[in-house]
Amino acid sequence: VEFKILVVADTQLWTDQIENKKCYEE
């Protein structure tokens, strides 16, 4: 009935693996 598009913005994955992990979890 619906079509849903999820927009992901500015994840900016970089050298900080802890932050990258948090981003993936989000």
PDB file of all heavy atoms in Angstrom:
ATOM      1  N   VAL A   1       0.840  -1.198   0.000  1.00  0.00           N
ATOM      2  CA  VAL A   1       0.000   0.000   0.000  1.00  0.00           C
ATOM      3  C   VAL A   1       0.873   1.245   0.000  1.00  0.00           C
ATOM      4  O   VAL A   1       0.554   2.243  -0.647  1.00  0.00           O
ATOM      5  CB  VAL A   1      -0.935  -0.001   1.230  1.00  0.00           C
ATOM      6  CG1 VAL A   1      -1.733   1.302   1.310  1.00  0.00           C
ATOM      7  CG2 VAL A   1      -1.881  -1.193   1.181  1.00  0.00           C
ATOM      8  N   GLU A   2       1.990   1.178   0.739  1.00  0.00           N
ATOM      9  CA  GLU A   2       2.922   2.289   0.817  1.00  0.00           C
ATOM     10  C   GLU A   2       4.280   1.898   0.220  1.00  0.00           C
ATOM     11  O   GLU A   2       4.607   0.713   0.139  1.00  0.00           O
ATOM     12  CB  GLU A   2       3.137   2.726   2.272  1.00  0.00           C
ATOM     13  CG  GLU A   2       1.902   3.254   2.966  1.00  0.00           C
ATOM     14  CD  GLU A   2       2.188   3.663   4.392  1.00  0.00           C
ATOM     15  OE1 GLU A   2       3.086   3.064   5.021  1.00  0.00           O
ATOM     16  OE2 GLU A   2       1.502   4.577   4.885  1.00  0.00           O
ATOM     17  N   PHE A   3       5.037   2.920  -0.165  1.00  0.00           N
ATOM     18  CA  PHE A   3       6.420   2.714  -0.578  1.00  0.00           C
ATOM     19  C   PHE A   3       7.267   3.674   0.242  1.00  0.00           C
ATOM     20  O   PHE A   3       7.060   4.894   0.210  1.00  0.00           O
ATOM     21  CB  PHE A   3       6.610   2.990  -2.074  1.00  0.00           C
ATOM     22  CG  PHE A   3       7.977   2.643  -2.582  1.00  0.00           C
ATOM     23  CD1 PHE A   3       8.248   1.372  -3.063  1.00  0.00           C
ATOM     24  CD2 PHE A   3       9.006   3.573  -2.565  1.00  0.00           C
ATOM     25  CE1 PHE A   3       9.521   1.034  -3.540  1.00  0.00           C
ATOM     26  CE2 PHE A   3      10.278   3.255  -3.027  1.00  0.00           C
ATOM     27  CZ  PHE A   3      10.532   1.976  -3.510  1.00  0.00           C
ATOM     28  N   LYS A   4       8.218   3.116   1.001  1.00  0.00           N
ATOM     29  CA  LYS A   4       8.996   3.925   1.930  1.00  0.00           C
ATOM     30  C   LYS A   4      10.463   4.034   1.499  1.00  0.00           C
ATOM     31  O   LYS A   4      11.126   3.030   1.268  1.00  0.00           O
ATOM     32  CB  LYS A   4       8.902   3.325   3.338  1.00  0.00           C
ATOM     33  CG  LYS A   4       7.499   3.398   3.929  1.00  0.00           C
ATOM     34  CD  LYS A   4       7.433   2.886   5.352  1.00  0.00           C
ATOM     35  CE  LYS A   4       7.594   1.393   5.435  1.00  0.00           C
ATOM     36  NZ  LYS A   4       7.397   0.882   6.795  1.00  0.00           N
ATOM     37  N   ILE A   5      10.922   5.280   1.414  1.00  0.00           N
ATOM     38  CA  ILE A   5      12.312   5.573   1.075  1.00  0.00           C
ATOM     39  C   ILE A   5      12.993   6.145   2.307  1.00  0.00           C
ATOM     40  O   ILE A   5      12.563   7.168   2.849  1.00  0.00           O
ATOM     41  CB  ILE A   5      12.410   6.595  -0.072  1.00  0.00           C
ATOM     42  CG1 ILE A   5      11.664   6.097  -1.311  1.00  0.00           C
ATOM     43  CG2 ILE A   5      13.873   6.884  -0.405  1.00  0.00           C
ATOM     44  CD1 ILE A   5      11.495   7.158  -2.390  1.00  0.00           C
ATOM     45  N   LEU A   6      14.032   5.493   2.767  1.00  0.00           N
ATOM     46  CA  LEU A   6      14.802   5.991   3.900  1.00  0.00           C
ATOM     47  C   LEU A   6      15.993   6.783   3.374  1.00  0.00           C
ATOM     48  O   LEU A   6      16.810   6.258   2.619  1.00  0.00           O
ATOM     49  CB  LEU A   6      15.294   4.829   4.771  1.00  0.00           C
ATOM     50  CG  LEU A   6      16.217   5.198   5.939  1.00  0.00           C
ATOM     51  CD1 LEU A   6      15.505   6.110   6.931  1.00  0.00           C
ATOM     52  CD2 LEU A   6      16.733   3.932   6.640  1.00  0.00           C
ATOM     53  N   VAL A   7      16.078   8.048   3.780  1.00  0.00           N
ATOM     54  CA  VAL A   7      17.186   8.906   3.362  1.00  0.00           C
ATOM     55  C   VAL A   7      18.234   8.938   4.466  1.00  0.00           C
ATOM     56  O   VAL A   7      17.942   9.311   5.614  1.00  0.00           O
ATOM     57  CB  VAL A   7      16.709  10.341   3.059  1.00  0.00           C
ATOM     58  CG1 VAL A   7      17.888  11.204   2.601  1.00  0.00           C
ATOM     59  CG2 VAL A   7      15.620  10.322   1.995  1.00  0.00           C
ATOM     60  N   VAL A   8      19.450   8.526   4.128  1.00  0.00           N
ATOM     61  CA  VAL A   8      20.583   8.531   5.055  1.00  0.00           C
ATOM     62  C   VAL A   8      21.521   9.663   4.638  1.00  0.00           C
ATOM     63  O   VAL A   8      21.881   9.769   3.467  1.00  0.00           O
ATOM     64  CB  VAL A   8      21.315   7.168   5.013  1.00  0.00           C
ATOM     65  CG1 VAL A   8      22.600   7.216   5.819  1.00  0.00           C
ATOM     66  CG2 VAL A   8      20.399   6.065   5.532  1.00  0.00           C
ATOM     67  N   ALA A   9      21.907  10.502   5.599  1.00  0.00           N
ATOM     68  CA  ALA A   9      22.680  11.698   5.243  1.00  0.00           C
ATOM     69  C   ALA A   9      23.977  11.820   6.020  1.00  0.00           C
ATOM     70  O   ALA A   9      24.001  11.647   7.240  1.00  0.00           O
ATOM     71  CB  ALA A   9      21.831  12.957   5.486  1.00  0.00           C
ATOM     72  N   ASP A  10      25.055  12.105   5.307  1.00  0.00           N
ATOM     73  CA  ASP A  10      26.327  12.516   5.907  1.00  0.00           C
ATOM     74  C   ASP A  10      26.826  11.562   6.996  1.00  0.00           C
ATOM     75  O   ASP A  10      27.194  11.993   8.093  1.00  0.00           O
ATOM     76  CB  ASP A  10      26.200  13.933   6.485  1.00  0.00           C
ATOM     77  CG  ASP A  10      25.902  14.960   5.414  1.00  0.00           C
ATOM     78  OD1 ASP A  10      26.860  15.506   4.832  1.00  0.00           O
ATOM     79  OD2 ASP A  10      24.713  15.224   5.138  1.00  0.00           O
ATOM     80  N   THR A  11      26.881  10.295   6.689  1.00  0.00           N
ATOM     81  CA  THR A  11      27.435   9.339   7.657  1.00  0.00           C
ATOM     82  C   THR A  11      28.909   9.620   7.935  1.00  0.00           C
ATOM     83  O   THR A  11      29.407   9.381   9.038  1.00  0.00           O
ATOM     84  CB  THR A  11      27.278   7.901   7.137  1.00  0.00           C
ATOM     85  OG1 THR A  11      27.717   7.826   5.779  1.00  0.00           O
ATOM     86  CG2 THR A  11      25.827   7.452   7.208  1.00  0.00           C
ATOM     87  N   GLN A  12      29.619  10.091   6.942  1.00  0.00           N
ATOM     88  CA  GLN A  12      31.026  10.497   7.047  1.00  0.00           C
ATOM     89  C   GLN A  12      31.888   9.520   7.863  1.00  0.00           C
ATOM     90  O   GLN A  12      32.596   9.904   8.795  1.00  0.00           O
ATOM     91  CB  GLN A  12      31.138  11.914   7.621  1.00  0.00           C
ATOM     92  CG  GLN A  12      31.104  12.944   6.522  1.00  0.00           C
ATOM     93  CD  GLN A  12      31.445  14.347   6.961  1.00  0.00           C
ATOM     94  OE1 GLN A  12      30.606  15.225   6.882  1.00  0.00           O
ATOM     95  NE2 GLN A  12      32.656  14.585   7.388  1.00  0.00           N
ATOM     96  N   LEU A  13      31.821   8.257   7.516  1.00  0.00           N
ATOM     97  CA  LEU A  13      32.652   7.240   8.165  1.00  0.00           C
ATOM     98  C   LEU A  13      34.117   7.583   7.936  1.00  0.00           C
ATOM     99  O   LEU A  13      34.518   7.937   6.833  1.00  0.00           O
ATOM    100  CB  LEU A  13      32.312   5.872   7.582  1.00  0.00           C
ATOM    101  CG  LEU A  13      30.842   5.475   7.799  1.00  0.00           C
ATOM    102  CD1 LEU A  13      30.444   4.372   6.848  1.00  0.00           C
ATOM    103  CD2 LEU A  13      30.601   5.068   9.240  1.00  0.00           C
ATOM    104  N   TRP A  14      34.937   7.454   8.990  1.00  0.00           N
ATOM    105  CA  TRP A  14      36.327   7.886   8.856  1.00  0.00           C
ATOM    106  C   TRP A  14      37.241   7.038   9.718  1.00  0.00           C
ATOM    107  O   TRP A  14      37.003   5.858   9.907  1.00  0.00           O
ATOM    108  CB  TRP A  14      36.449   9.378   9.132  1.00  0.00           C
ATOM    109  CG  TRP A  14      36.167   9.812  10.557  1.00  0.00           C
ATOM    110  CD1 TRP A  14      35.234   9.300  11.411  1.00  0.00           C
ATOM    111  CD2 TRP A  14      36.838  10.845  11.274  1.00  0.00           C
ATOM    112  NE1 TRP A  14      35.265   9.942  12.615  1.00  0.00           N
ATOM    113  CE2 TRP A  14      36.238  10.901  12.561  1.00  0.00           C
ATOM    114  CE3 TRP A  14      37.850  11.726  10.964  1.00  0.00           C
ATOM    115  CZ2 TRP A  14      36.659  11.819  13.536  1.00  0.00           C
ATOM    116  CZ3 TRP A  14      38.252  12.640  11.937  1.00  0.00           C
ATOM    117  CH2 TRP A  14      37.659  12.681  13.199  1.00  0.00           C
ATOM    118  N   THR A  15      38.303   7.632  10.254  1.00  0.00           N
ATOM    119  CA  THR A  15      39.333   6.859  10.948  1.00  0.00           C
ATOM    120  C   THR A  15      38.935   6.407  12.337  1.00  0.00           C
ATOM    121  O   THR A  15      39.559   5.504  12.886  1.00  0.00           O
ATOM    122  CB  THR A  15      40.628   7.693  11.056  1.00  0.00           C
ATOM    123  OG1 THR A  15      40.314   8.965  11.618  1.00  0.00           O
ATOM    124  CG2 THR A  15      41.253   7.900   9.691  1.00  0.00           C
ATOM    125  N   ASP A  16      37.939   7.022  12.944  1.00  0.00           N
ATOM    126  CA  ASP A  16      37.517   6.650  14.293  1.00  0.00           C
ATOM    127  C   ASP A  16      36.551   5.465  14.222  1.00  0.00           C
ATOM    128  O   ASP A  16      35.359   5.632  13.945  1.00  0.00           O
ATOM    129  CB  ASP A  16      36.855   7.844  14.983  1.00  0.00           C
ATOM    130  CG  ASP A  16      36.641   7.622  16.474  1.00  0.00           C
ATOM    131  OD1 ASP A  16      36.312   6.484  16.860  1.00  0.00           O
ATOM    132  OD2 ASP A  16      36.817   8.580  17.247  1.00  0.00           O
ATOM    133  N   GLN A  17      37.066   4.275  14.506  1.00  0.00           N
ATOM    134  CA  GLN A  17      36.257   3.065  14.375  1.00  0.00           C
ATOM    135  C   GLN A  17      35.138   2.989  15.412  1.00  0.00           C
ATOM    136  O   GLN A  17      34.108   2.337  15.186  1.00  0.00           O
ATOM    137  CB  GLN A  17      37.156   1.832  14.471  1.00  0.00           C
ATOM    138  CG  GLN A  17      38.217   1.754  13.391  1.00  0.00           C
ATOM    139  CD  GLN A  17      37.627   1.837  11.997  1.00  0.00           C
ATOM    140  OE1 GLN A  17      36.670   1.147  11.657  1.00  0.00           O
ATOM    141  NE2 GLN A  17      38.196   2.712  11.159  1.00  0.00           N
ATOM    142  N   ILE A  18      35.318   3.643  16.549  1.00  0.00           N
ATOM    143  CA  ILE A  18      34.268   3.653  17.571  1.00  0.00           C
ATOM    144  C   ILE A  18      33.063   4.436  17.061  1.00  0.00           C
ATOM    145  O   ILE A  18      31.911   3.993  17.185  1.00  0.00           O
ATOM    146  CB  ILE A  18      34.803   4.265  18.889  1.00  0.00           C
ATOM    147  CG1 ILE A  18      35.889   3.366  19.482  1.00  0.00           C
ATOM    148  CG2 ILE A  18      33.658   4.447  19.897  1.00  0.00           C
ATOM    149  CD1 ILE A  18      36.540   3.932  20.728  1.00  0.00           C
ATOM    150  N   GLU A  19      33.331   5.599  16.459  1.00  0.00           N
ATOM    151  CA  GLU A  19      32.244   6.390  15.895  1.00  0.00           C
ATOM    152  C   GLU A  19      31.594   5.675  14.712  1.00  0.00           C
ATOM    153  O   GLU A  19      30.374   5.716  14.532  1.00  0.00           O
ATOM    154  CB  GLU A  19      32.763   7.758  15.456  1.00  0.00           C
ATOM    155  CG  GLU A  19      33.113   8.670  16.614  1.00  0.00           C
ATOM    156  CD  GLU A  19      33.668  10.001  16.142  1.00  0.00           C
ATOM    157  OE1 GLU A  19      33.414  10.388  14.992  1.00  0.00           O
ATOM    158  OE2 GLU A  19      34.374  10.652  16.931  1.00  0.00           O
ATOM    159  N   ASN A  20      32.408   5.022  13.897  1.00  0.00           N
ATOM    160  CA  ASN A  20      31.869   4.268  12.768  1.00  0.00           C
ATOM    161  C   ASN A  20      30.912   3.182  13.251  1.00  0.00           C
ATOM    162  O   ASN A  20      29.844   2.970  12.672  1.00  0.00           O
ATOM    163  CB  ASN A  20      33.000   3.635  11.963  1.00  0.00           C
ATOM    164  CG  ASN A  20      33.822   4.660  11.201  1.00  0.00           C
ATOM    165  OD1 ASN A  20      33.494   5.846  11.191  1.00  0.00           O
ATOM    166  ND2 ASN A  20      34.889   4.215  10.576  1.00  0.00           N
ATOM    167  N   LYS A  21      31.287   2.507  14.320  1.00  0.00           N
ATOM    168  CA  LYS A  21      30.448   1.448  14.885  1.00  0.00           C
ATOM    169  C   LYS A  21      29.106   2.021  15.360  1.00  0.00           C
ATOM    170  O   LYS A  21      28.046   1.431  15.130  1.00  0.00           O
ATOM    171  CB  LYS A  21      31.175   0.762  16.038  1.00  0.00           C
ATOM    172  CG  LYS A  21      30.432  -0.421  16.658  1.00  0.00           C
ATOM    173  CD  LYS A  21      31.312  -1.121  17.690  1.00  0.00           C
ATOM    174  CE  LYS A  21      30.613  -2.337  18.281  1.00  0.00           C
ATOM    175  NZ  LYS A  21      29.436  -1.966  19.107  1.00  0.00           N
ATOM    176  N   LYS A  22      29.169   3.186  15.994  1.00  0.00           N
ATOM    177  CA  LYS A  22      27.938   3.829  16.465  1.00  0.00           C
ATOM    178  C   LYS A  22      27.046   4.215  15.285  1.00  0.00           C
ATOM    179  O   LYS A  22      25.818   4.106  15.351  1.00  0.00           O
ATOM    180  CB  LYS A  22      28.277   5.072  17.284  1.00  0.00           C
ATOM    181  CG  LYS A  22      28.904   4.776  18.644  1.00  0.00           C
ATOM    182  CD  LYS A  22      29.230   6.065  19.377  1.00  0.00           C
ATOM    183  CE  LYS A  22      29.872   5.798  20.740  1.00  0.00           C
ATOM    184  NZ  LYS A  22      30.251   7.060  21.433  1.00  0.00           N
ATOM    185  N   CYS A  23      27.675   4.650  14.206  1.00  0.00           N
ATOM    186  CA  CYS A  23      26.917   5.017  13.013  1.00  0.00           C
ATOM    187  C   CYS A  23      26.213   3.799  12.421  1.00  0.00           C
ATOM    188  O   CYS A  23      25.023   3.863  12.073  1.00  0.00           O
ATOM    189  CB  CYS A  23      27.840   5.643  11.977  1.00  0.00           C
ATOM    190  SG  CYS A  23      26.981   6.182  10.475  1.00  0.00           S
ATOM    191  N   TYR A  24      26.931   2.704  12.315  1.00  0.00           N
ATOM    192  CA  TYR A  24      26.326   1.479  11.785  1.00  0.00           C
ATOM    193  C   TYR A  24      25.187   0.999  12.671  1.00  0.00           C
ATOM    194  O   TYR A  24      24.150   0.522  12.183  1.00  0.00           O
ATOM    195  CB  TYR A  24      27.388   0.388  11.645  1.00  0.00           C
ATOM    196  CG  TYR A  24      28.313   0.574  10.458  1.00  0.00           C
ATOM    197  CD1 TYR A  24      29.675   0.320  10.557  1.00  0.00           C
ATOM    198  CD2 TYR A  24      27.807   1.001   9.230  1.00  0.00           C
ATOM    199  CE1 TYR A  24      30.522   0.482   9.471  1.00  0.00           C
ATOM    200  CE2 TYR A  24      28.648   1.164   8.139  1.00  0.00           C
ATOM    201  CZ  TYR A  24      30.000   0.910   8.257  1.00  0.00           C
ATOM    202  OH  TYR A  24      30.828   1.072   7.179  1.00  0.00           O
ATOM    203  N   GLU A  25      25.357   1.132  13.972  1.00  0.00           N
ATOM    204  CA  GLU A  25      24.298   0.736  14.906  1.00  0.00           C
ATOM    205  C   GLU A  25      23.064   1.616  14.716  1.00  0.00           C
ATOM    206  O   GLU A  25      21.926   1.141  14.788  1.00  0.00           O
ATOM    207  CB  GLU A  25      24.798   0.826  16.353  1.00  0.00           C
ATOM    208  CG  GLU A  25      25.823  -0.252  16.707  1.00  0.00           C
ATOM    209  CD  GLU A  25      26.458  -0.043  18.075  1.00  0.00           C
ATOM    210  OE1 GLU A  25      26.265   1.057  18.667  1.00  0.00           O
ATOM    211  OE2 GLU A  25      27.154  -0.962  18.553  1.00  0.00           O
ATOM    212  N   GLU A  26      23.306   2.917  14.468  1.00  0.00           N
ATOM    213  CA  GLU A  26      22.194   3.835  14.225  1.00  0.00           C
ATOM    214  C   GLU A  26      21.481   3.479  12.928  1.00  0.00           C
ATOM    215  O   GLU A  26      20.246   3.516  12.847  1.00  0.00           O
ATOM    216  CB  GLU A  26      22.713   5.274  14.174  1.00  0.00           C
ATOM    217  CG  GLU A  26      21.622   6.316  14.144  1.00  0.00           C
ATOM    218  CD  GLU A  26      22.128   7.705  14.498  1.00  0.00           C
ATOM    219  OE1 GLU A  26      22.559   7.918  15.653  1.00  0.00           O
ATOM    220  OE2 GLU A  26      22.078   8.583  13.614  1.00  0.00           O
TER     221      GLU A  26
END
